[in-house]
All heavy atoms as atom14 arrays in JSON, in Angstrom:
{
  "sequence": "DVWDAMTAMTPMGRLGEPHEIAAAVAYLASDDASFVTGSELYVDG",
  "atom14_mask": [
    [1, 1, 1, 1, 1, 1, 1, 1, 0, 0, 0, 0, 0, 0],
    [1, 1, 1, 1, 1, 1, 1, 0, 0, 0, 0, 0, 0, 0],
    [1, 1, 1, 1, 1, 1, 1, 1, 1, 1, 1, 1, 1, 1],
    [1, 1, 1, 1, 1, 1, 1, 1, 0, 0, 0, 0, 0, 0],
    [1, 1, 1, 1, 1, 0, 0, 0, 0, 0, 0, 0, 0, 0],
    [1, 1, 1, 1, 1, 1, 1, 1, 0, 0, 0, 0, 0, 0],
    [1, 1, 1, 1, 1, 1, 1, 0, 0, 0, 0, 0, 0, 0],
    [1, 1, 1, 1, 1, 0, 0, 0, 0, 0, 0, 0, 0, 0],
    [1, 1, 1, 1, 1, 1, 1, 1, 0, 0, 0, 0, 0, 0],
    [1, 1, 1, 1, 1, 1, 1, 0, 0, 0, 0, 0, 0, 0],
    [1, 1, 1, 1, 1, 1, 1, 0, 0, 0, 0, 0, 0, 0],
    [1, 1, 1, 1, 1, 1, 1, 1, 0, 0, 0, 0, 0, 0],
    [1, 1, 1, 1, 0, 0, 0, 0, 0, 0, 0, 0, 0, 0],
    [1, 1, 1, 1, 1, 1, 1, 1, 1, 1, 1, 0, 0, 0],
    [1, 1, 1, 1, 1, 1, 1, 1, 0, 0, 0, 0, 0, 0],
    [1, 1, 1, 1, 0, 0, 0, 0, 0, 0, 0, 0, 0, 0],
    [1, 1, 1, 1, 1, 1, 1, 1, 1, 0, 0, 0, 0, 0],
    [1, 1, 1, 1, 1, 1, 1, 0, 0, 0, 0, 0, 0, 0],
    [1, 1, 1, 1, 1, 1, 1, 1, 1, 1, 0, 0, 0, 0],
    [1, 1, 1, 1, 1, 1, 1, 1, 1, 0, 0, 0, 0, 0],
    [1, 1, 1, 1, 1, 1, 1, 1, 0, 0, 0, 0, 0, 0],
    [1, 1, 1, 1, 1, 0, 0, 0, 0, 0, 0, 0, 0, 0],
    [1, 1, 1, 1, 1, 0, 0, 0, 0, 0, 0, 0, 0, 0],
    [1, 1, 1, 1, 1, 0, 0, 0, 0, 0, 0, 0, 0, 0],
    [1, 1, 1, 1, 1, 1, 1, 0, 0, 0, 0, 0, 0, 0],
    [1, 1, 1, 1, 1, 0, 0, 0, 0, 0, 0, 0, 0, 0],
    [1, 1, 1, 1, 1, 1, 1, 1, 1, 1, 1, 1, 0, 0],
    [1, 1, 1, 1, 1, 1, 1, 1, 0, 0, 0, 0, 0, 0],
    [1, 1, 1, 1, 1, 0, 0, 0, 0, 0, 0, 0, 0, 0],
    [1, 1, 1, 1, 1, 1, 0, 0, 0, 0, 0, 0, 0, 0],
    [1, 1, 1, 1, 1, 1, 1, 1, 0, 0, 0, 0, 0, 0],
    [1, 1, 1, 1, 1, 1, 1, 1, 0, 0, 0, 0, 0, 0],
    [1, 1, 1, 1, 1, 0, 0, 0, 0, 0, 0, 0, 0, 0],
    [1, 1, 1, 1, 1, 1, 0, 0, 0, 0, 0, 0, 0, 0],
    [1, 1, 1, 1, 1, 1, 1, 1, 1, 1, 1, 0, 0, 0],
    [1, 1, 1, 1, 1, 1, 1, 0, 0, 0, 0, 0, 0, 0],
    [1, 1, 1, 1, 1, 1, 1, 0, 0, 0, 0, 0, 0, 0],
    [1, 1, 1, 1, 0, 0, 0, 0, 0, 0, 0, 0, 0, 0],
    [1, 1, 1, 1, 1, 1, 0, 0, 0, 0, 0, 0, 0, 0],
    [1, 1, 1, 1, 1, 1, 1, 1, 1, 0, 0, 0, 0, 0],
    [1, 1, 1, 1, 1, 1, 1, 1, 0, 0, 0, 0, 0, 0],
    [1, 1, 1, 1, 1, 1, 1, 1, 1, 1, 1, 1, 0, 0],
    [1, 1, 1, 1, 1, 1, 1, 0, 0, 0, 0, 0, 0, 0],
    [1, 1, 1, 1, 1, 1, 1, 1, 0, 0, 0, 0, 0, 0],
    [1, 1, 1, 1, 0, 0, 0, 0, 0, 0, 0, 0, 0, 0]
  ],
  "atom14_positions": [
    [[19.12, -67.37, -35.93], [18.05, -66.3, -35.87], [18.7, -64.94, -35.66], [18.21, -63.92, -36.15], [17.04, -66.6, -34.83], [16.15, -67.81, -35.13], [16.13, -68.19, -36.32], [15.53, -68.36, -34.28], [0.0, 0.0, 0.0], [0.0, 0.0, 0.0], [0.0, 0.0, 0.0], [0.0, 0.0, 0.0], [0.0, 0.0, 0.0], [0.0, 0.0, 0.0]],
    [[19.87, -64.97, -34.92], [20.51, -63.67, -34.63], [21.03, -63.01, -35.95], [20.87, -61.8, -36.21], [21.61, -63.85, -33.58], [22.44, -62.58, -33.44], [21.09, -64.26, -32.23], [0.0, 0.0, 0.0], [0.0, 0.0, 0.0], [0.0, 0.0, 0.0], [0.0, 0.0, 0.0], [0.0, 0.0, 0.0], [0.0, 0.0, 0.0], [0.0, 0.0, 0.0]],
    [[21.72, -63.82, -36.79], [22.22, -63.38, -38.03], [21.08, -62.85, -38.91], [21.16, -61.76, -39.51], [22.96, -64.51, -38.72], [23.63, -64.12, -40.03], [23.05, -64.01, -41.25], [25.02, -63.75, -40.16], [24.01, -63.6, -42.17], [25.24, -63.47, -41.53], [26.1, -63.64, -39.33], [26.46, -63.02, -42.04], [27.33, -63.27, -39.82], [27.46, -62.98, -41.18]],
    [[19.98, -63.67, -38.97], [18.86, -63.23, -39.76], [18.22, -61.98, -39.32], [17.78, -61.13, -40.11], [17.77, -64.33, -39.82], [18.31, -65.69, -40.51], [19.26, -65.55, -41.27], [17.72, -66.71, -40.26], [0.0, 0.0, 0.0], [0.0, 0.0, 0.0], [0.0, 0.0, 0.0], [0.0, 0.0, 0.0], [0.0, 0.0, 0.0], [0.0, 0.0, 0.0]],
    [[18.16, -61.77, -37.92], [17.57, -60.61, -37.38], [18.44, -59.39, -37.73], [17.88, -58.27, -38.07], [17.42, -60.75, -35.88], [0.0, 0.0, 0.0], [0.0, 0.0, 0.0], [0.0, 0.0, 0.0], [0.0, 0.0, 0.0], [0.0, 0.0, 0.0], [0.0, 0.0, 0.0], [0.0, 0.0, 0.0], [0.0, 0.0, 0.0], [0.0, 0.0, 0.0]],
    [[19.79, -59.44, -37.63], [20.64, -58.33, -37.93], [20.5, -57.92, -39.42], [20.41, -56.74, -39.74], [22.05, -58.71, -37.61], [22.37, -58.8, -36.16], [24.11, -58.95, -35.73], [24.52, -60.56, -36.49], [0.0, 0.0, 0.0], [0.0, 0.0, 0.0], [0.0, 0.0, 0.0], [0.0, 0.0, 0.0], [0.0, 0.0, 0.0], [0.0, 0.0, 0.0]],
    [[20.44, -58.96, -40.26], [20.29, -58.68, -41.67], [18.96, -58.06, -41.95], [18.86, -57.09, -42.77], [20.42, -60.0, -42.45], [21.7, -60.61, -42.2], [20.33, -59.72, -43.98], [0.0, 0.0, 0.0], [0.0, 0.0, 0.0], [0.0, 0.0, 0.0], [0.0, 0.0, 0.0], [0.0, 0.0, 0.0], [0.0, 0.0, 0.0], [0.0, 0.0, 0.0]],
    [[17.89, -58.55, -41.33], [16.55, -58.04, -41.57], [16.42, -56.61, -41.11], [15.63, -55.8, -41.8], [15.48, -58.94, -40.9], [0.0, 0.0, 0.0], [0.0, 0.0, 0.0], [0.0, 0.0, 0.0], [0.0, 0.0, 0.0], [0.0, 0.0, 0.0], [0.0, 0.0, 0.0], [0.0, 0.0, 0.0], [0.0, 0.0, 0.0], [0.0, 0.0, 0.0]],
    [[17.13, -56.25, -40.09], [16.99, -54.89, -39.53], [17.86, -53.83, -40.32], [17.75, -52.68, -40.06], [17.45, -54.86, -38.11], [16.34, -55.3, -37.17], [16.88, -55.08, -35.47], [17.38, -56.7, -35.1], [0.0, 0.0, 0.0], [0.0, 0.0, 0.0], [0.0, 0.0, 0.0], [0.0, 0.0, 0.0], [0.0, 0.0, 0.0], [0.0, 0.0, 0.0]],
    [[18.7, -54.35, -41.19], [19.52, -53.5, -42.03], [18.87, -53.24, -43.4], [18.72, -54.19, -44.21], [20.98, -54.12, -42.18], [21.51, -54.35, -41.01], [21.81, -53.16, -43.02], [0.0, 0.0, 0.0], [0.0, 0.0, 0.0], [0.0, 0.0, 0.0], [0.0, 0.0, 0.0], [0.0, 0.0, 0.0], [0.0, 0.0, 0.0], [0.0, 0.0, 0.0]],
    [[18.42, -51.99, -43.64], [17.64, -51.79, -44.95], [18.37, -52.24, -46.18], [17.72, -52.64, -47.12], [17.54, -50.22, -44.91], [17.45, -49.9, -43.49], [18.47, -50.78, -42.8], [0.0, 0.0, 0.0], [0.0, 0.0, 0.0], [0.0, 0.0, 0.0], [0.0, 0.0, 0.0], [0.0, 0.0, 0.0], [0.0, 0.0, 0.0], [0.0, 0.0, 0.0]],
    [[19.72, -52.27, -46.25], [20.39, -52.7, -47.46], [20.44, -54.25, -47.52], [20.86, -54.77, -48.51], [21.84, -52.2, -47.53], [21.9, -50.65, -47.79], [23.6, -50.01, -47.87], [24.16, -50.81, -49.4], [0.0, 0.0, 0.0], [0.0, 0.0, 0.0], [0.0, 0.0, 0.0], [0.0, 0.0, 0.0], [0.0, 0.0, 0.0], [0.0, 0.0, 0.0]],
    [[19.93, -54.93, -46.49], [19.69, -56.37, -46.54], [20.99, -57.18, -46.44], [21.04, -58.38, -46.84], [0.0, 0.0, 0.0], [0.0, 0.0, 0.0], [0.0, 0.0, 0.0], [0.0, 0.0, 0.0], [0.0, 0.0, 0.0], [0.0, 0.0, 0.0], [0.0, 0.0, 0.0], [0.0, 0.0, 0.0], [0.0, 0.0, 0.0], [0.0, 0.0, 0.0]],
    [[21.99, -56.61, -45.85], [23.21, -57.33, -45.64], [24.04, -56.77, -44.45], [23.69, -55.61, -44.05], [24.15, -57.35, -46.85], [24.74, -56.05, -47.25], [25.75, -56.16, -48.33], [26.31, -54.82, -48.76], [27.34, -54.24, -48.21], [27.97, -54.81, -47.14], [27.77, -53.03, -48.6], [0.0, 0.0, 0.0], [0.0, 0.0, 0.0], [0.0, 0.0, 0.0]],
    [[24.99, -57.48, -43.97], [25.84, -56.93, -42.95], [26.99, -56.18, -43.63], [27.33, -56.43, -44.74], [26.43, -58.04, -42.03], [25.54, -58.44, -40.84], [24.24, -58.96, -41.27], [26.32, -59.54, -39.97], [0.0, 0.0, 0.0], [0.0, 0.0, 0.0], [0.0, 0.0, 0.0], [0.0, 0.0, 0.0], [0.0, 0.0, 0.0], [0.0, 0.0, 0.0]],
    [[27.55, -55.22, -42.83], [28.71, -54.46, -43.39], [29.98, -55.25, -43.27], [30.06, -56.34, -42.59], [0.0, 0.0, 0.0], [0.0, 0.0, 0.0], [0.0, 0.0, 0.0], [0.0, 0.0, 0.0], [0.0, 0.0, 0.0], [0.0, 0.0, 0.0], [0.0, 0.0, 0.0], [0.0, 0.0, 0.0], [0.0, 0.0, 0.0], [0.0, 0.0, 0.0]],
    [[31.01, -54.77, -43.95], [32.35, -55.41, -43.98], [33.28, -54.46, -43.25], [33.22, -53.23, -43.32], [32.79, -55.68, -45.32], [31.88, -56.61, -46.18], [31.94, -58.04, -45.64], [32.94, -58.39, -44.92], [31.06, -58.81, -45.94], [0.0, 0.0, 0.0], [0.0, 0.0, 0.0], [0.0, 0.0, 0.0], [0.0, 0.0, 0.0], [0.0, 0.0, 0.0]],
    [[34.34, -55.01, -42.54], [35.3, -54.22, -41.88], [35.95, -53.11, -42.86], [36.27, -52.01, -42.37], [36.36, -55.22, -41.34], [35.5, -56.47, -41.14], [34.58, -56.45, -42.27], [0.0, 0.0, 0.0], [0.0, 0.0, 0.0], [0.0, 0.0, 0.0], [0.0, 0.0, 0.0], [0.0, 0.0, 0.0], [0.0, 0.0, 0.0], [0.0, 0.0, 0.0]],
    [[36.21, -53.55, -44.05], [36.87, -52.59, -44.91], [35.99, -51.29, -45.21], [36.51, -50.25, -45.54], [37.27, -53.23, -46.24], [36.09, -53.63, -47.18], [35.53, -52.67, -48.03], [35.44, -54.73, -47.32], [34.57, -53.17, -48.72], [34.49, -54.48, -48.32], [0.0, 0.0, 0.0], [0.0, 0.0, 0.0], [0.0, 0.0, 0.0], [0.0, 0.0, 0.0]],
    [[34.65, -51.47, -45.03], [33.76, -50.28, -45.23], [33.87, -49.31, -44.11], [33.7, -48.1, -44.3], [32.33, -50.82, -45.39], [32.27, -51.6, -46.74], [30.84, -52.24, -46.88], [30.37, -52.97, -45.94], [30.22, -52.01, -48.0], [0.0, 0.0, 0.0], [0.0, 0.0, 0.0], [0.0, 0.0, 0.0], [0.0, 0.0, 0.0], [0.0, 0.0, 0.0]],
    [[34.19, -49.81, -42.86], [34.47, -48.92, -41.72], [35.85, -48.27, -41.94], [36.0, -47.07, -41.73], [34.43, -49.71, -40.39], [33.12, -50.41, -40.2], [34.66, -48.76, -39.23], [31.88, -49.58, -40.29], [0.0, 0.0, 0.0], [0.0, 0.0, 0.0], [0.0, 0.0, 0.0], [0.0, 0.0, 0.0], [0.0, 0.0, 0.0], [0.0, 0.0, 0.0]],
    [[36.75, -49.09, -42.37], [38.16, -48.54, -42.56], [38.17, -47.42, -43.62], [38.9, -46.47, -43.51], [39.09, -49.71, -43.05], [0.0, 0.0, 0.0], [0.0, 0.0, 0.0], [0.0, 0.0, 0.0], [0.0, 0.0, 0.0], [0.0, 0.0, 0.0], [0.0, 0.0, 0.0], [0.0, 0.0, 0.0], [0.0, 0.0, 0.0], [0.0, 0.0, 0.0]],
    [[37.33, -47.56, -44.65], [37.27, -46.59, -45.68], [36.74, -45.26, -45.13], [37.16, -44.14, -45.47], [36.35, -47.01, -46.84], [0.0, 0.0, 0.0], [0.0, 0.0, 0.0], [0.0, 0.0, 0.0], [0.0, 0.0, 0.0], [0.0, 0.0, 0.0], [0.0, 0.0, 0.0], [0.0, 0.0, 0.0], [0.0, 0.0, 0.0], [0.0, 0.0, 0.0]],
    [[35.74, -45.34, -44.24], [35.21, -44.16, -43.59], [36.26, -43.45, -42.74], [36.37, -42.18, -42.65], [33.93, -44.47, -42.77], [0.0, 0.0, 0.0], [0.0, 0.0, 0.0], [0.0, 0.0, 0.0], [0.0, 0.0, 0.0], [0.0, 0.0, 0.0], [0.0, 0.0, 0.0], [0.0, 0.0, 0.0], [0.0, 0.0, 0.0], [0.0, 0.0, 0.0]],
    [[37.03, -44.24, -42.0], [38.04, -43.69, -41.18], [39.13, -43.05, -42.01], [39.6, -41.93, -41.7], [38.72, -44.85, -40.27], [39.96, -44.22, -39.51], [37.7, -45.37, -39.27], [0.0, 0.0, 0.0], [0.0, 0.0, 0.0], [0.0, 0.0, 0.0], [0.0, 0.0, 0.0], [0.0, 0.0, 0.0], [0.0, 0.0, 0.0], [0.0, 0.0, 0.0]],
    [[39.5, -43.69, -43.16], [40.51, -43.11, -44.02], [40.07, -41.74, -44.59], [40.89, -40.8, -44.69], [40.88, -44.07, -45.11], [0.0, 0.0, 0.0], [0.0, 0.0, 0.0], [0.0, 0.0, 0.0], [0.0, 0.0, 0.0], [0.0, 0.0, 0.0], [0.0, 0.0, 0.0], [0.0, 0.0, 0.0], [0.0, 0.0, 0.0], [0.0, 0.0, 0.0]],
    [[38.78, -41.66, -44.92], [38.28, -40.4, -45.41], [38.38, -39.33, -44.38], [38.83, -38.18, -44.61], [36.79, -40.57, -45.89], [36.02, -39.35, -45.88], [36.3, -38.35, -46.87], [35.03, -38.99, -44.98], [35.62, -37.14, -46.87], [34.34, -37.84, -45.01], [34.63, -36.87, -45.98], [33.92, -35.67, -45.98], [0.0, 0.0, 0.0], [0.0, 0.0, 0.0]],
    [[37.91, -39.58, -43.15], [37.95, -38.58, -42.1], [39.36, -38.2, -41.67], [39.64, -37.1, -41.23], [37.19, -39.09, -40.86], [35.64, -39.21, -41.04], [34.96, -39.87, -39.86], [35.02, -37.76, -41.26], [0.0, 0.0, 0.0], [0.0, 0.0, 0.0], [0.0, 0.0, 0.0], [0.0, 0.0, 0.0], [0.0, 0.0, 0.0], [0.0, 0.0, 0.0]],
    [[40.31, -39.2, -41.88], [41.73, -38.89, -41.48], [42.39, -37.88, -42.54], [43.37, -37.34, -42.27], [42.49, -40.2, -41.35], [0.0, 0.0, 0.0], [0.0, 0.0, 0.0], [0.0, 0.0, 0.0], [0.0, 0.0, 0.0], [0.0, 0.0, 0.0], [0.0, 0.0, 0.0], [0.0, 0.0, 0.0], [0.0, 0.0, 0.0], [0.0, 0.0, 0.0]],
    [[41.85, -37.93, -43.74], [42.47, -37.29, -44.84], [42.02, -35.85, -45.03], [41.09, -35.39, -44.47], [42.21, -38.07, -46.13], [40.92, -37.79, -46.62], [0.0, 0.0, 0.0], [0.0, 0.0, 0.0], [0.0, 0.0, 0.0], [0.0, 0.0, 0.0], [0.0, 0.0, 0.0], [0.0, 0.0, 0.0], [0.0, 0.0, 0.0], [0.0, 0.0, 0.0]],
    [[42.75, -35.15, -45.92], [42.38, -33.75, -46.27], [41.11, -33.65, -47.06], [40.58, -32.56, -47.25], [43.52, -33.11, -47.07], [44.74, -32.83, -46.13], [44.57, -32.88, -44.91], [45.82, -32.63, -46.65], [0.0, 0.0, 0.0], [0.0, 0.0, 0.0], [0.0, 0.0, 0.0], [0.0, 0.0, 0.0], [0.0, 0.0, 0.0], [0.0, 0.0, 0.0]],
    [[40.65, -34.76, -47.57], [39.32, -34.76, -48.23], [38.22, -34.38, -47.26], [37.18, -33.85, -47.67], [38.96, -36.15, -48.79], [39.77, -36.52, -50.06], [40.36, -35.56, -50.65], [39.78, -37.66, -50.5], [0.0, 0.0, 0.0], [0.0, 0.0, 0.0], [0.0, 0.0, 0.0], [0.0, 0.0, 0.0], [0.0, 0.0, 0.0], [0.0, 0.0, 0.0]],
    [[38.45, -34.53, -45.96], [37.54, -34.09, -44.9], [37.99, -32.92, -44.18], [37.65, -32.73, -42.98], [37.27, -35.3, -43.92], [0.0, 0.0, 0.0], [0.0, 0.0, 0.0], [0.0, 0.0, 0.0], [0.0, 0.0, 0.0], [0.0, 0.0, 0.0], [0.0, 0.0, 0.0], [0.0, 0.0, 0.0], [0.0, 0.0, 0.0], [0.0, 0.0, 0.0]],
    [[38.71, -32.05, -44.84], [39.37, -30.87, -44.2], [38.41, -29.91, -43.58], [38.75, -29.13, -42.66], [40.23, -30.16, -45.19], [39.53, -29.66, -46.27], [0.0, 0.0, 0.0], [0.0, 0.0, 0.0], [0.0, 0.0, 0.0], [0.0, 0.0, 0.0], [0.0, 0.0, 0.0], [0.0, 0.0, 0.0], [0.0, 0.0, 0.0], [0.0, 0.0, 0.0]],
    [[37.09, -29.88, -44.0], [36.08, -29.0, -43.38], [35.04, -29.8, -42.57], [33.9, -29.31, -42.37], [35.45, -28.14, -44.52], [34.8, -26.93, -44.06], [35.42, -26.03, -43.24], [33.42, -26.67, -44.43], [34.83, -24.77, -42.79], [32.81, -25.51, -43.94], [33.45, -24.55, -43.2], [0.0, 0.0, 0.0], [0.0, 0.0, 0.0], [0.0, 0.0, 0.0]],
    [[35.48, -31.0, -42.16], [34.58, -31.85, -41.39], [35.01, -32.02, -39.99], [36.1, -32.59, -39.79], [34.39, -33.23, -42.07], [33.42, -34.13, -41.33], [33.92, -33.08, -43.53], [0.0, 0.0, 0.0], [0.0, 0.0, 0.0], [0.0, 0.0, 0.0], [0.0, 0.0, 0.0], [0.0, 0.0, 0.0], [0.0, 0.0, 0.0], [0.0, 0.0, 0.0]],
    [[34.28, -31.53, -39.03], [34.65, -31.8, -37.62], [33.39, -31.73, -36.76], [32.33, -31.01, -37.16], [35.62, -30.73, -37.11], [36.2, -31.18, -35.88], [34.99, -29.33, -36.94], [0.0, 0.0, 0.0], [0.0, 0.0, 0.0], [0.0, 0.0, 0.0], [0.0, 0.0, 0.0], [0.0, 0.0, 0.0], [0.0, 0.0, 0.0], [0.0, 0.0, 0.0]],
    [[33.37, -32.51, -35.75], [32.15, -32.52, -34.87], [30.97, -33.31, -35.53], [29.94, -33.35, -35.01], [0.0, 0.0, 0.0], [0.0, 0.0, 0.0], [0.0, 0.0, 0.0], [0.0, 0.0, 0.0], [0.0, 0.0, 0.0], [0.0, 0.0, 0.0], [0.0, 0.0, 0.0], [0.0, 0.0, 0.0], [0.0, 0.0, 0.0], [0.0, 0.0, 0.0]],
    [[31.38, -34.12, -36.52], [30.27, -34.84, -37.21], [30.3, -36.26, -36.86], [31.21, -36.84, -36.31], [30.52, -34.77, -38.76], [30.36, -33.46, -39.29], [0.0, 0.0, 0.0], [0.0, 0.0, 0.0], [0.0, 0.0, 0.0], [0.0, 0.0, 0.0], [0.0, 0.0, 0.0], [0.0, 0.0, 0.0], [0.0, 0.0, 0.0], [0.0, 0.0, 0.0]],
    [[29.17, -36.99, -37.18], [29.03, -38.41, -36.94], [28.69, -39.05, -38.23], [27.75, -38.65, -38.98], [27.93, -38.65, -35.92], [26.59, -37.95, -36.17], [25.76, -37.81, -34.93], [26.1, -36.98, -34.01], [24.7, -38.52, -34.86], [0.0, 0.0, 0.0], [0.0, 0.0, 0.0], [0.0, 0.0, 0.0], [0.0, 0.0, 0.0], [0.0, 0.0, 0.0]],
    [[29.5, -39.99, -38.62], [29.33, -40.68, -39.92], [28.85, -42.14, -39.69], [29.54, -42.95, -39.01], [30.71, -40.74, -40.66], [30.74, -41.47, -41.98], [29.66, -41.01, -42.93], [32.09, -41.4, -42.58], [0.0, 0.0, 0.0], [0.0, 0.0, 0.0], [0.0, 0.0, 0.0], [0.0, 0.0, 0.0], [0.0, 0.0, 0.0], [0.0, 0.0, 0.0]],
    [[27.61, -42.42, -40.16], [27.02, -43.68, -39.98], [27.35, -44.65, -41.15], [27.13, -44.21, -42.32], [25.5, -43.54, -39.8], [25.12, -42.89, -38.47], [25.06, -41.5, -38.43], [24.86, -43.67, -37.39], [24.77, -40.94, -37.21], [24.61, -43.04, -36.19], [24.53, -41.62, -36.09], [24.28, -41.05, -34.89], [0.0, 0.0, 0.0], [0.0, 0.0, 0.0]],
    [[27.92, -45.78, -40.83], [28.22, -46.76, -41.81], [27.39, -47.96, -41.45], [27.94, -48.95, -40.79], [29.71, -47.12, -41.85], [30.1, -47.99, -43.03], [30.53, -45.76, -42.0], [0.0, 0.0, 0.0], [0.0, 0.0, 0.0], [0.0, 0.0, 0.0], [0.0, 0.0, 0.0], [0.0, 0.0, 0.0], [0.0, 0.0, 0.0], [0.0, 0.0, 0.0]],
    [[26.16, -47.93, -41.73], [25.18, -48.88, -41.08], [24.15, -49.44, -42.04], [23.17, -50.02, -41.61], [24.48, -48.21, -39.97], [23.59, -47.07, -40.37], [23.62, -46.73, -41.59], [22.9, -46.47, -39.57], [0.0, 0.0, 0.0], [0.0, 0.0, 0.0], [0.0, 0.0, 0.0], [0.0, 0.0, 0.0], [0.0, 0.0, 0.0], [0.0, 0.0, 0.0]],
    [[24.37, -49.28, -43.34], [23.41, -49.88, -44.27], [21.97, -49.3, -44.16], [21.01, -49.85, -44.65], [0.0, 0.0, 0.0], [0.0, 0.0, 0.0], [0.0, 0.0, 0.0], [0.0, 0.0, 0.0], [0.0, 0.0, 0.0], [0.0, 0.0, 0.0], [0.0, 0.0, 0.0], [0.0, 0.0, 0.0], [0.0, 0.0, 0.0], [0.0, 0.0, 0.0]]
  ]
}
């Protein structure tokens, strides 16, 4: 029921994957985010 509840509460209907968090970190670490500071990036479906 815990798995089903987490999935049901996520609008995209699935759990996220670790590589999706890693991709967000890589973006913020890179110069692609050179004008981004003090922000909060949600990777939460």
